[in-house]
Each structure stands twice: as C-alpha cells, then as structure tokens.
Amino acid sequence: DEPATYRVSVEFLRMNEQGGLVEVTSPTDADRK
C-alpha cells in the first residue's frame, strides 16, 4: 500500500547435494563472462 523502490542486480549461487543454494563470494572468470 506504499510506494517502493527496488534494485535489480546479478549474483551467483551454487547448488549442493541437499538442494540448497550457496552464495558465491568470489566469482570466477567464467561467472564474470
């Protein structure tokens, strides 16, 4: 019910064998591409 501002950005997450997504704190060169 109030105006809101949102920022859009890209991040990288990796899946583990439990199905969880873990944030990549140090993106690789492939991630940057």
Full PDB file with SEQRES, HELIX, SHEET, SSBOND, CRYST1, ORIGX, SCALE, CONECT and MASTER records, all heavy atoms in Angstrom:
SEQRES   1 A   33  ASP GLU PRO ALA THR TYR ARG VAL SER VAL GLU PHE LEU          
SEQRES   2 A   33  ARG MET ASN GLU GLN GLY GLY LEU VAL GLU VAL THR SER          
SEQRES   3 A   33  PRO THR ASP ALA ASP ARG LYS                                  
HELIX    1 AA1 ASP A   29  ARG A   32  1                                   4    
SHEET    1 AA1 2 LEU A  13  MET A  15  0                                        
SHEET    2 AA1 2 LEU A  21  GLU A  23 -1                                        
CRYST1    1.000    1.000    1.000  90.00  90.00  90.00 P 1           1          
ORIGX1      1.000000  0.000000  0.000000        0.00000                         
ORIGX2      0.000000  1.000000  0.000000        0.00000                         
ORIGX3      0.000000  0.000000  1.000000        0.00000                         
SCALE1      1.000000  0.000000  0.000000        0.00000                         
SCALE2      0.000000  1.000000  0.000000        0.00000                         
SCALE3      0.000000  0.000000  1.000000        0.00000                         
ATOM      1  N   ASP A   1       0.811  -1.223   0.000  1.00  0.00           N  
ATOM      2  CA  ASP A   1       0.000   0.000   0.000  1.00  0.00           C  
ATOM      3  C   ASP A   1       0.843   1.272   0.000  1.00  0.00           C  
ATOM      4  O   ASP A   1       0.304   2.373   0.117  1.00  0.00           O  
ATOM      5  CB  ASP A   1      -0.933  -0.002   1.222  1.00  0.00           C  
ATOM      6  CG  ASP A   1      -1.940  -1.141   1.169  1.00  0.00           C  
ATOM      7  OD1 ASP A   1      -2.388  -1.472   0.046  1.00  0.00           O  
ATOM      8  OD2 ASP A   1      -2.260  -1.711   2.236  1.00  0.00           O  
ATOM      9  N   GLU A   2       2.168   1.127  -0.108  1.00  0.00           N  
ATOM     10  CA  GLU A   2       3.066   2.270  -0.131  1.00  0.00           C  
ATOM     11  C   GLU A   2       3.988   2.160  -1.348  1.00  0.00           C  
ATOM     12  O   GLU A   2       4.292   1.066  -1.814  1.00  0.00           O  
ATOM     13  CB  GLU A   2       3.916   2.320   1.145  1.00  0.00           C  
ATOM     14  CG  GLU A   2       3.121   2.472   2.431  1.00  0.00           C  
ATOM     15  CD  GLU A   2       2.465   3.837   2.569  1.00  0.00           C  
ATOM     16  OE1 GLU A   2       2.968   4.794   1.924  1.00  0.00           O  
ATOM     17  OE2 GLU A   2       1.481   3.944   3.312  1.00  0.00           O  
ATOM     18  N   PRO A   3       4.464   3.287  -1.874  1.00  0.00           N  
ATOM     19  CA  PRO A   3       5.449   3.232  -2.963  1.00  0.00           C  
ATOM     20  C   PRO A   3       6.700   2.481  -2.497  1.00  0.00           C  
ATOM     21  O   PRO A   3       7.062   2.511  -1.314  1.00  0.00           O  
ATOM     22  CB  PRO A   3       5.752   4.700  -3.249  1.00  0.00           C  
ATOM     23  CG  PRO A   3       4.577   5.446  -2.706  1.00  0.00           C  
ATOM     24  CD  PRO A   3       4.094   4.677  -1.523  1.00  0.00           C  
ATOM     25  N   ALA A   4       7.362   1.817  -3.414  1.00  0.00           N  
ATOM     26  CA  ALA A   4       8.560   1.056  -3.066  1.00  0.00           C  
ATOM     27  C   ALA A   4       9.568   1.133  -4.209  1.00  0.00           C  
ATOM     28  O   ALA A   4       9.192   1.194  -5.380  1.00  0.00           O  
ATOM     29  CB  ALA A   4       8.209  -0.398  -2.770  1.00  0.00           C  
ATOM     30  N   THR A   5      10.851   1.130  -3.831  1.00  0.00           N  
ATOM     31  CA  THR A   5      11.932   1.157  -4.810  1.00  0.00           C  
ATOM     32  C   THR A   5      12.708  -0.150  -4.724  1.00  0.00           C  
ATOM     33  O   THR A   5      13.003  -0.638  -3.627  1.00  0.00           O  
ATOM     34  CB  THR A   5      12.870   2.347  -4.547  1.00  0.00           C  
ATOM     35  OG1 THR A   5      12.135   3.565  -4.654  1.00  0.00           O  
ATOM     36  CG2 THR A   5      14.014   2.363  -5.555  1.00  0.00           C  
ATOM     37  N   TYR A   6      13.037  -0.699  -5.896  1.00  0.00           N  
ATOM     38  CA  TYR A   6      13.746  -1.976  -5.957  1.00  0.00           C  
ATOM     39  C   TYR A   6      14.981  -1.834  -6.844  1.00  0.00           C  
ATOM     40  O   TYR A   6      14.938  -1.187  -7.889  1.00  0.00           O  
ATOM     41  CB  TYR A   6      12.837  -3.079  -6.523  1.00  0.00           C  
ATOM     42  CG  TYR A   6      11.553  -3.249  -5.744  1.00  0.00           C  
ATOM     43  CD1 TYR A   6      10.380  -2.624  -6.163  1.00  0.00           C  
ATOM     44  CD2 TYR A   6      11.516  -4.017  -4.588  1.00  0.00           C  
ATOM     45  CE1 TYR A   6       9.200  -2.766  -5.450  1.00  0.00           C  
ATOM     46  CE2 TYR A   6      10.338  -4.169  -3.872  1.00  0.00           C  
ATOM     47  CZ  TYR A   6       9.188  -3.542  -4.305  1.00  0.00           C  
ATOM     48  OH  TYR A   6       8.014  -3.681  -3.595  1.00  0.00           O  
ATOM     49  N   ARG A   7      16.063  -2.465  -6.417  1.00  0.00           N  
ATOM     50  CA  ARG A   7      17.281  -2.500  -7.216  1.00  0.00           C  
ATOM     51  C   ARG A   7      17.437  -3.899  -7.806  1.00  0.00           C  
ATOM     52  O   ARG A   7      17.218  -4.898  -7.133  1.00  0.00           O  
ATOM     53  CB  ARG A   7      18.499  -2.148  -6.362  1.00  0.00           C  
ATOM     54  CG  ARG A   7      19.815  -2.193  -7.138  1.00  0.00           C  
ATOM     55  CD  ARG A   7      20.993  -1.731  -6.309  1.00  0.00           C  
ATOM     56  NE  ARG A   7      20.945  -0.280  -6.080  1.00  0.00           N  
ATOM     57  CZ  ARG A   7      20.813   0.280  -4.894  1.00  0.00           C  
ATOM     58  NH1 ARG A   7      20.694  -0.476  -3.814  1.00  0.00           N  
ATOM     59  NH2 ARG A   7      20.788   1.591  -4.762  1.00  0.00           N  
ATOM     60  N   VAL A   8      17.827  -3.952  -9.092  1.00  0.00           N  
ATOM     61  CA  VAL A   8      17.995  -5.219  -9.795  1.00  0.00           C  
ATOM     62  C   VAL A   8      19.487  -5.472  -9.989  1.00  0.00           C  
ATOM     63  O   VAL A   8      20.217  -4.584 -10.444  1.00  0.00           O  
ATOM     64  CB  VAL A   8      17.290  -5.189 -11.170  1.00  0.00           C  
ATOM     65  CG1 VAL A   8      17.343  -6.558 -11.828  1.00  0.00           C  
ATOM     66  CG2 VAL A   8      15.847  -4.710 -11.023  1.00  0.00           C  
ATOM     67  N   SER A   9      19.947  -6.668  -9.646  1.00  0.00           N  
ATOM     68  CA  SER A   9      21.364  -6.997  -9.791  1.00  0.00           C  
ATOM     69  C   SER A   9      21.518  -8.481 -10.083  1.00  0.00           C  
ATOM     70  O   SER A   9      20.568  -9.254  -9.992  1.00  0.00           O  
ATOM     71  CB  SER A   9      22.145  -6.612  -8.523  1.00  0.00           C  
ATOM     72  OG  SER A   9      21.644  -7.315  -7.400  1.00  0.00           O  
ATOM     73  N   VAL A  10      22.741  -8.868 -10.444  1.00  0.00           N  
ATOM     74  CA  VAL A  10      23.065 -10.263 -10.742  1.00  0.00           C  
ATOM     75  C   VAL A  10      23.965 -10.808  -9.646  1.00  0.00           C  
ATOM     76  O   VAL A  10      24.891 -10.133  -9.188  1.00  0.00           O  
ATOM     77  CB  VAL A  10      23.762 -10.383 -12.111  1.00  0.00           C  
ATOM     78  CG1 VAL A  10      24.319 -11.790 -12.322  1.00  0.00           C  
ATOM     79  CG2 VAL A  10      22.794 -10.045 -13.232  1.00  0.00           C  
ATOM     80  N   GLU A  11      23.687 -12.038  -9.214  1.00  0.00           N  
ATOM     81  CA  GLU A  11      24.568 -12.715  -8.275  1.00  0.00           C  
ATOM     82  C   GLU A  11      24.709 -14.170  -8.696  1.00  0.00           C  
ATOM     83  O   GLU A  11      24.016 -14.643  -9.604  1.00  0.00           O  
ATOM     84  CB  GLU A  11      24.044 -12.602  -6.842  1.00  0.00           C  
ATOM     85  CG  GLU A  11      22.718 -13.281  -6.594  1.00  0.00           C  
ATOM     86  CD  GLU A  11      22.275 -13.146  -5.150  1.00  0.00           C  
ATOM     87  OE1 GLU A  11      22.888 -12.384  -4.407  1.00  0.00           O  
ATOM     88  OE2 GLU A  11      21.320 -13.834  -4.780  1.00  0.00           O  
ATOM     89  N   PHE A  12      25.600 -14.889  -8.020  1.00  0.00           N  
ATOM     90  CA  PHE A  12      25.876 -16.272  -8.389  1.00  0.00           C  
ATOM     91  C   PHE A  12      25.671 -17.182  -7.184  1.00  0.00           C  
ATOM     92  O   PHE A  12      26.146 -16.895  -6.084  1.00  0.00           O  
ATOM     93  CB  PHE A  12      27.304 -16.408  -8.931  1.00  0.00           C  
ATOM     94  CG  PHE A  12      27.514 -15.614 -10.189  1.00  0.00           C  
ATOM     95  CD1 PHE A  12      28.053 -14.331 -10.130  1.00  0.00           C  
ATOM     96  CD2 PHE A  12      27.133 -16.123 -11.412  1.00  0.00           C  
ATOM     97  CE1 PHE A  12      28.225 -13.590 -11.285  1.00  0.00           C  
ATOM     98  CE2 PHE A  12      27.291 -15.378 -12.569  1.00  0.00           C  
ATOM     99  CZ  PHE A  12      27.837 -14.114 -12.507  1.00  0.00           C  
ATOM    100  N   LEU A  13      24.956 -18.274  -7.422  1.00  0.00           N  
ATOM    101  CA  LEU A  13      24.656 -19.253  -6.389  1.00  0.00           C  
ATOM    102  C   LEU A  13      25.010 -20.637  -6.906  1.00  0.00           C  
ATOM    103  O   LEU A  13      24.846 -20.924  -8.099  1.00  0.00           O  
ATOM    104  CB  LEU A  13      23.171 -19.222  -6.006  1.00  0.00           C  
ATOM    105  CG  LEU A  13      22.582 -17.869  -5.593  1.00  0.00           C  
ATOM    106  CD1 LEU A  13      21.074 -17.969  -5.446  1.00  0.00           C  
ATOM    107  CD2 LEU A  13      23.206 -17.386  -4.293  1.00  0.00           C  
ATOM    108  N   ARG A  14      25.484 -21.494  -6.032  1.00  0.00           N  
ATOM    109  CA  ARG A  14      25.805 -22.871  -6.394  1.00  0.00           C  
ATOM    110  C   ARG A  14      24.909 -23.825  -5.593  1.00  0.00           C  
ATOM    111  O   ARG A  14      24.693 -23.631  -4.391  1.00  0.00           O  
ATOM    112  CB  ARG A  14      27.269 -23.187  -6.089  1.00  0.00           C  
ATOM    113  CG  ARG A  14      28.262 -22.332  -6.836  1.00  0.00           C  
ATOM    114  CD  ARG A  14      28.425 -22.745  -8.286  1.00  0.00           C  
ATOM    115  NE  ARG A  14      29.554 -22.027  -8.881  1.00  0.00           N  
ATOM    116  CZ  ARG A  14      29.449 -20.872  -9.538  1.00  0.00           C  
ATOM    117  NH1 ARG A  14      28.258 -20.303  -9.694  1.00  0.00           N  
ATOM    118  NH2 ARG A  14      30.515 -20.281 -10.040  1.00  0.00           N  
ATOM    119  N   MET A  15      24.431 -24.866  -6.265  1.00  0.00           N  
ATOM    120  CA  MET A  15      23.601 -25.867  -5.603  1.00  0.00           C  
ATOM    121  C   MET A  15      24.485 -26.938  -4.967  1.00  0.00           C  
ATOM    122  O   MET A  15      25.511 -27.332  -5.524  1.00  0.00           O  
ATOM    123  CB  MET A  15      22.647 -26.503  -6.613  1.00  0.00           C  
ATOM    124  CG  MET A  15      21.789 -27.629  -6.050  1.00  0.00           C  
ATOM    125  SD  MET A  15      20.528 -28.224  -7.233  1.00  0.00           S  
ATOM    126  CE  MET A  15      19.275 -26.940  -7.002  1.00  0.00           C  
ATOM    127  N   ASN A  16      24.065 -27.411  -3.776  1.00  0.00           N  
ATOM    128  CA  ASN A  16      24.734 -28.565  -3.170  1.00  0.00           C  
ATOM    129  C   ASN A  16      23.829 -29.792  -3.274  1.00  0.00           C  
ATOM    130  O   ASN A  16      22.700 -29.707  -3.767  1.00  0.00           O  
ATOM    131  CB  ASN A  16      25.135 -28.277  -1.710  1.00  0.00           C  
ATOM    132  CG  ASN A  16      23.936 -27.905  -0.840  1.00  0.00           C  
ATOM    133  OD1 ASN A  16      22.820 -28.393  -1.017  1.00  0.00           O  
ATOM    134  ND2 ASN A  16      24.166 -27.021   0.135  1.00  0.00           N  
ATOM    135  N   GLU A  17      24.304 -30.925  -2.823  1.00  0.00           N  
ATOM    136  CA  GLU A  17      23.554 -32.161  -2.994  1.00  0.00           C  
ATOM    137  C   GLU A  17      22.293 -32.228  -2.143  1.00  0.00           C  
ATOM    138  O   GLU A  17      21.447 -33.096  -2.362  1.00  0.00           O  
ATOM    139  CB  GLU A  17      24.448 -33.373  -2.708  1.00  0.00           C  
ATOM    140  CG  GLU A  17      25.497 -33.612  -3.778  1.00  0.00           C  
ATOM    141  CD  GLU A  17      26.157 -34.977  -3.671  1.00  0.00           C  
ATOM    142  OE1 GLU A  17      25.872 -35.701  -2.685  1.00  0.00           O  
ATOM    143  OE2 GLU A  17      26.942 -35.330  -4.563  1.00  0.00           O  
ATOM    144  N   GLN A  18      22.139 -31.330  -1.186  1.00  0.00           N  
ATOM    145  CA  GLN A  18      20.908 -31.257  -0.408  1.00  0.00           C  
ATOM    146  C   GLN A  18      19.871 -30.348  -1.065  1.00  0.00           C  
ATOM    147  O   GLN A  18      18.777 -30.161  -0.539  1.00  0.00           O  
ATOM    148  CB  GLN A  18      21.208 -30.774   1.011  1.00  0.00           C  
ATOM    149  CG  GLN A  18      22.111 -31.721   1.796  1.00  0.00           C  
ATOM    150  CD  GLN A  18      21.556 -33.133   1.892  1.00  0.00           C  
ATOM    151  OE1 GLN A  18      20.383 -33.328   2.231  1.00  0.00           O  
ATOM    152  NE2 GLN A  18      22.374 -34.124   1.580  1.00  0.00           N  
ATOM    153  N   GLY A  19      20.223 -29.760  -2.200  1.00  0.00           N  
ATOM    154  CA  GLY A  19      19.301 -28.863  -2.891  1.00  0.00           C  
ATOM    155  C   GLY A  19      19.409 -27.425  -2.447  1.00  0.00           C  
ATOM    156  O   GLY A  19      18.695 -26.558  -2.961  1.00  0.00           O  
ATOM    157  N   GLY A  20      20.298 -27.138  -1.505  1.00  0.00           N  
ATOM    158  CA  GLY A  20      20.478 -25.765  -1.044  1.00  0.00           C  
ATOM    159  C   GLY A  20      21.282 -24.950  -2.036  1.00  0.00           C  
ATOM    160  O   GLY A  20      22.064 -25.484  -2.832  1.00  0.00           O  
ATOM    161  N   LEU A  21      21.092 -23.632  -1.996  1.00  0.00           N  
ATOM    162  CA  LEU A  21      21.829 -22.716  -2.856  1.00  0.00           C  
ATOM    163  C   LEU A  21      22.753 -21.870  -1.994  1.00  0.00           C  
ATOM    164  O   LEU A  21      22.307 -21.194  -1.070  1.00  0.00           O  
ATOM    165  CB  LEU A  21      20.866 -21.828  -3.645  1.00  0.00           C  
ATOM    166  CG  LEU A  21      20.028 -22.554  -4.706  1.00  0.00           C  
ATOM    167  CD1 LEU A  21      18.967 -21.627  -5.285  1.00  0.00           C  
ATOM    168  CD2 LEU A  21      20.916 -23.090  -5.812  1.00  0.00           C  
ATOM    169  N   VAL A  22      24.034 -21.916  -2.323  1.00  0.00           N  
ATOM    170  CA  VAL A  22      25.062 -21.233  -1.541  1.00  0.00           C  
ATOM    171  C   VAL A  22      25.610 -20.073  -2.355  1.00  0.00           C  
ATOM    172  O   VAL A  22      25.948 -20.230  -3.540  1.00  0.00           O  
ATOM    173  CB  VAL A  22      26.198 -22.204  -1.167  1.00  0.00           C  
ATOM    174  CG1 VAL A  22      27.264 -21.486  -0.346  1.00  0.00           C  
ATOM    175  CG2 VAL A  22      25.642 -23.407  -0.409  1.00  0.00           C  
ATOM    176  N   GLU A  23      25.695 -18.906  -1.743  1.00  0.00           N  
ATOM    177  CA  GLU A  23      26.178 -17.725  -2.442  1.00  0.00           C  
ATOM    178  C   GLU A  23      27.670 -17.838  -2.753  1.00  0.00           C  
ATOM    179  O   GLU A  23      28.470 -18.261  -1.920  1.00  0.00           O  
ATOM    180  CB  GLU A  23      25.921 -16.472  -1.607  1.00  0.00           C  
ATOM    181  CG  GLU A  23      26.240 -15.175  -2.332  1.00  0.00           C  
ATOM    182  CD  GLU A  23      25.784 -13.949  -1.560  1.00  0.00           C  
ATOM    183  OE1 GLU A  23      25.275 -14.105  -0.429  1.00  0.00           O  
ATOM    184  OE2 GLU A  23      25.948 -12.835  -2.092  1.00  0.00           O  
ATOM    185  N   VAL A  24      28.036 -17.442  -3.973  1.00  0.00           N  
ATOM    186  CA  VAL A  24      29.435 -17.434  -4.389  1.00  0.00           C  
ATOM    187  C   VAL A  24      30.047 -16.101  -3.978  1.00  0.00           C  
ATOM    188  O   VAL A  24      29.668 -15.046  -4.492  1.00  0.00           O  
ATOM    189  CB  VAL A  24      29.556 -17.629  -5.910  1.00  0.00           C  
ATOM    190  CG1 VAL A  24      31.011 -17.522  -6.353  1.00  0.00           C  
ATOM    191  CG2 VAL A  24      28.976 -18.976  -6.311  1.00  0.00           C  
ATOM    192  N   THR A  25      30.960 -16.136  -3.049  1.00  0.00           N  
ATOM    193  CA  THR A  25      31.554 -14.896  -2.543  1.00  0.00           C  
ATOM    194  C   THR A  25      32.702 -14.411  -3.426  1.00  0.00           C  
ATOM    195  O   THR A  25      33.026 -13.230  -3.420  1.00  0.00           O  
ATOM    196  CB  THR A  25      32.059 -15.094  -1.102  1.00  0.00           C  
ATOM    197  OG1 THR A  25      32.969 -16.206  -1.064  1.00  0.00           O  
ATOM    198  CG2 THR A  25      30.883 -15.390  -0.164  1.00  0.00           C  
ATOM    199  N   SER A  26      33.322 -15.333  -4.193  1.00  0.00           N  
ATOM    200  CA  SER A  26      34.416 -14.961  -5.091  1.00  0.00           C  
ATOM    201  C   SER A  26      34.111 -15.496  -6.489  1.00  0.00           C  
ATOM    202  O   SER A  26      34.516 -16.612  -6.841  1.00  0.00           O  
ATOM    203  CB  SER A  26      35.753 -15.532  -4.590  1.00  0.00           C  
ATOM    204  OG  SER A  26      36.072 -15.017  -3.304  1.00  0.00           O  
ATOM    205  N   PRO A  27      33.360 -14.725  -7.295  1.00  0.00           N  
ATOM    206  CA  PRO A  27      33.007 -15.187  -8.644  1.00  0.00           C  
ATOM    207  C   PRO A  27      34.243 -15.482  -9.484  1.00  0.00           C  
ATOM    208  O   PRO A  27      35.266 -14.796  -9.391  1.00  0.00           O  
ATOM    209  CB  PRO A  27      32.213 -14.003  -9.218  1.00  0.00           C  
ATOM    210  CG  PRO A  27      31.698 -13.265  -8.024  1.00  0.00           C  
ATOM    211  CD  PRO A  27      32.765 -13.418  -6.981  1.00  0.00           C  
ATOM    212  N   THR A  28      34.146 -16.522 -10.306  1.00  0.00           N  
ATOM    213  CA  THR A  28      35.237 -16.916 -11.181  1.00  0.00           C  
ATOM    214  C   THR A  28      35.209 -16.087 -12.469  1.00  0.00           C  
ATOM    215  O   THR A  28      34.273 -15.327 -12.724  1.00  0.00           O  
ATOM    216  CB  THR A  28      35.120 -18.403 -11.537  1.00  0.00           C  
ATOM    217  OG1 THR A  28      33.904 -18.599 -12.292  1.00  0.00           O  
ATOM    218  CG2 THR A  28      35.066 -19.258 -10.271  1.00  0.00           C  
ATOM    219  N   ASP A  29      36.240 -16.266 -13.311  1.00  0.00           N  
ATOM    220  CA  ASP A  29      36.253 -15.598 -14.613  1.00  0.00           C  
ATOM    221  C   ASP A  29      35.063 -16.039 -15.455  1.00  0.00           C  
ATOM    222  O   ASP A  29      34.482 -15.241 -16.198  1.00  0.00           O  
ATOM    223  CB  ASP A  29      37.555 -15.911 -15.352  1.00  0.00           C  
ATOM    224  CG  ASP A  29      38.764 -15.229 -14.717  1.00  0.00           C  
ATOM    225  OD1 ASP A  29      38.559 -14.265 -13.945  1.00  0.00           O  
ATOM    226  OD2 ASP A  29      39.897 -15.666 -14.982  1.00  0.00           O  
ATOM    227  N   ALA A  30      34.689 -17.322 -15.338  1.00  0.00           N  
ATOM    228  CA  ALA A  30      33.525 -17.822 -16.067  1.00  0.00           C  
ATOM    229  C   ALA A  30      32.254 -17.128 -15.596  1.00  0.00           C  
ATOM    230  O   ALA A  30      31.372 -16.791 -16.405  1.00  0.00           O  
ATOM    231  CB  ALA A  30      33.400 -19.337 -15.893  1.00  0.00           C  
ATOM    232  N   ASP A  31      32.139 -16.894 -14.288  1.00  0.00           N  
ATOM    233  CA  ASP A  31      30.977 -16.168 -13.758  1.00  0.00           C  
ATOM    234  C   ASP A  31      30.913 -14.766 -14.344  1.00  0.00           C  
ATOM    235  O   ASP A  31      29.840 -14.281 -14.713  1.00  0.00           O  
ATOM    236  CB  ASP A  31      31.044 -16.086 -12.225  1.00  0.00           C  
ATOM    237  CG  ASP A  31      30.845 -17.437 -11.549  1.00  0.00           C  
ATOM    238  OD1 ASP A  31      30.131 -18.278 -12.119  1.00  0.00           O  
ATOM    239  OD2 ASP A  31      31.410 -17.635 -10.459  1.00  0.00           O  
ATOM    240  N   ARG A  32      32.056 -14.101 -14.446  1.00  0.00           N  
ATOM    241  CA  ARG A  32      32.088 -12.742 -14.972  1.00  0.00           C  
ATOM    242  C   ARG A  32      31.657 -12.705 -16.435  1.00  0.00           C  
ATOM    243  O   ARG A  32      31.006 -11.759 -16.888  1.00  0.00           O  
ATOM    244  CB  ARG A  32      33.490 -12.154 -14.821  1.00  0.00           C  
ATOM    245  CG  ARG A  32      33.933 -11.969 -13.368  1.00  0.00           C  
ATOM    246  CD  ARG A  32      32.967 -11.110 -12.588  1.00  0.00           C  
ATOM    247  NE  ARG A  32      33.424 -10.844 -11.234  1.00  0.00           N  
ATOM    248  CZ  ARG A  32      32.656 -10.382 -10.267  1.00  0.00           C  
ATOM    249  NH1 ARG A  32      31.368 -10.130 -10.529  1.00  0.00           N  
ATOM    250  NH2 ARG A  32      33.123 -10.166  -9.064  1.00  0.00           N  
ATOM    251  N   LYS A  33      32.022 -13.745 -17.192  1.00  0.00           N  
ATOM    252  CA  LYS A  33      31.591 -13.816 -18.578  1.00  0.00           C  
ATOM    253  C   LYS A  33      30.072 -13.954 -18.677  1.00  0.00           C  
ATOM    254  O   LYS A  33      29.429 -13.364 -19.545  1.00  0.00           O  
ATOM    255  CB  LYS A  33      32.276 -14.981 -19.285  1.00  0.00           C  
ATOM    256  CG  LYS A  33      33.762 -14.770 -19.516  1.00  0.00           C  
ATOM    257  CD  LYS A  33      34.387 -15.951 -20.230  1.00  0.00           C  
ATOM    258  CE  LYS A  33      35.886 -15.740 -20.449  1.00  0.00           C  
ATOM    259  NZ  LYS A  33      36.510 -16.902 -21.121  1.00  0.00           N  
TER     260      LYS A  33                                                      
MASTER        0    0    0    1    2    0    0    6  259    1    0    3          
END                                                                             
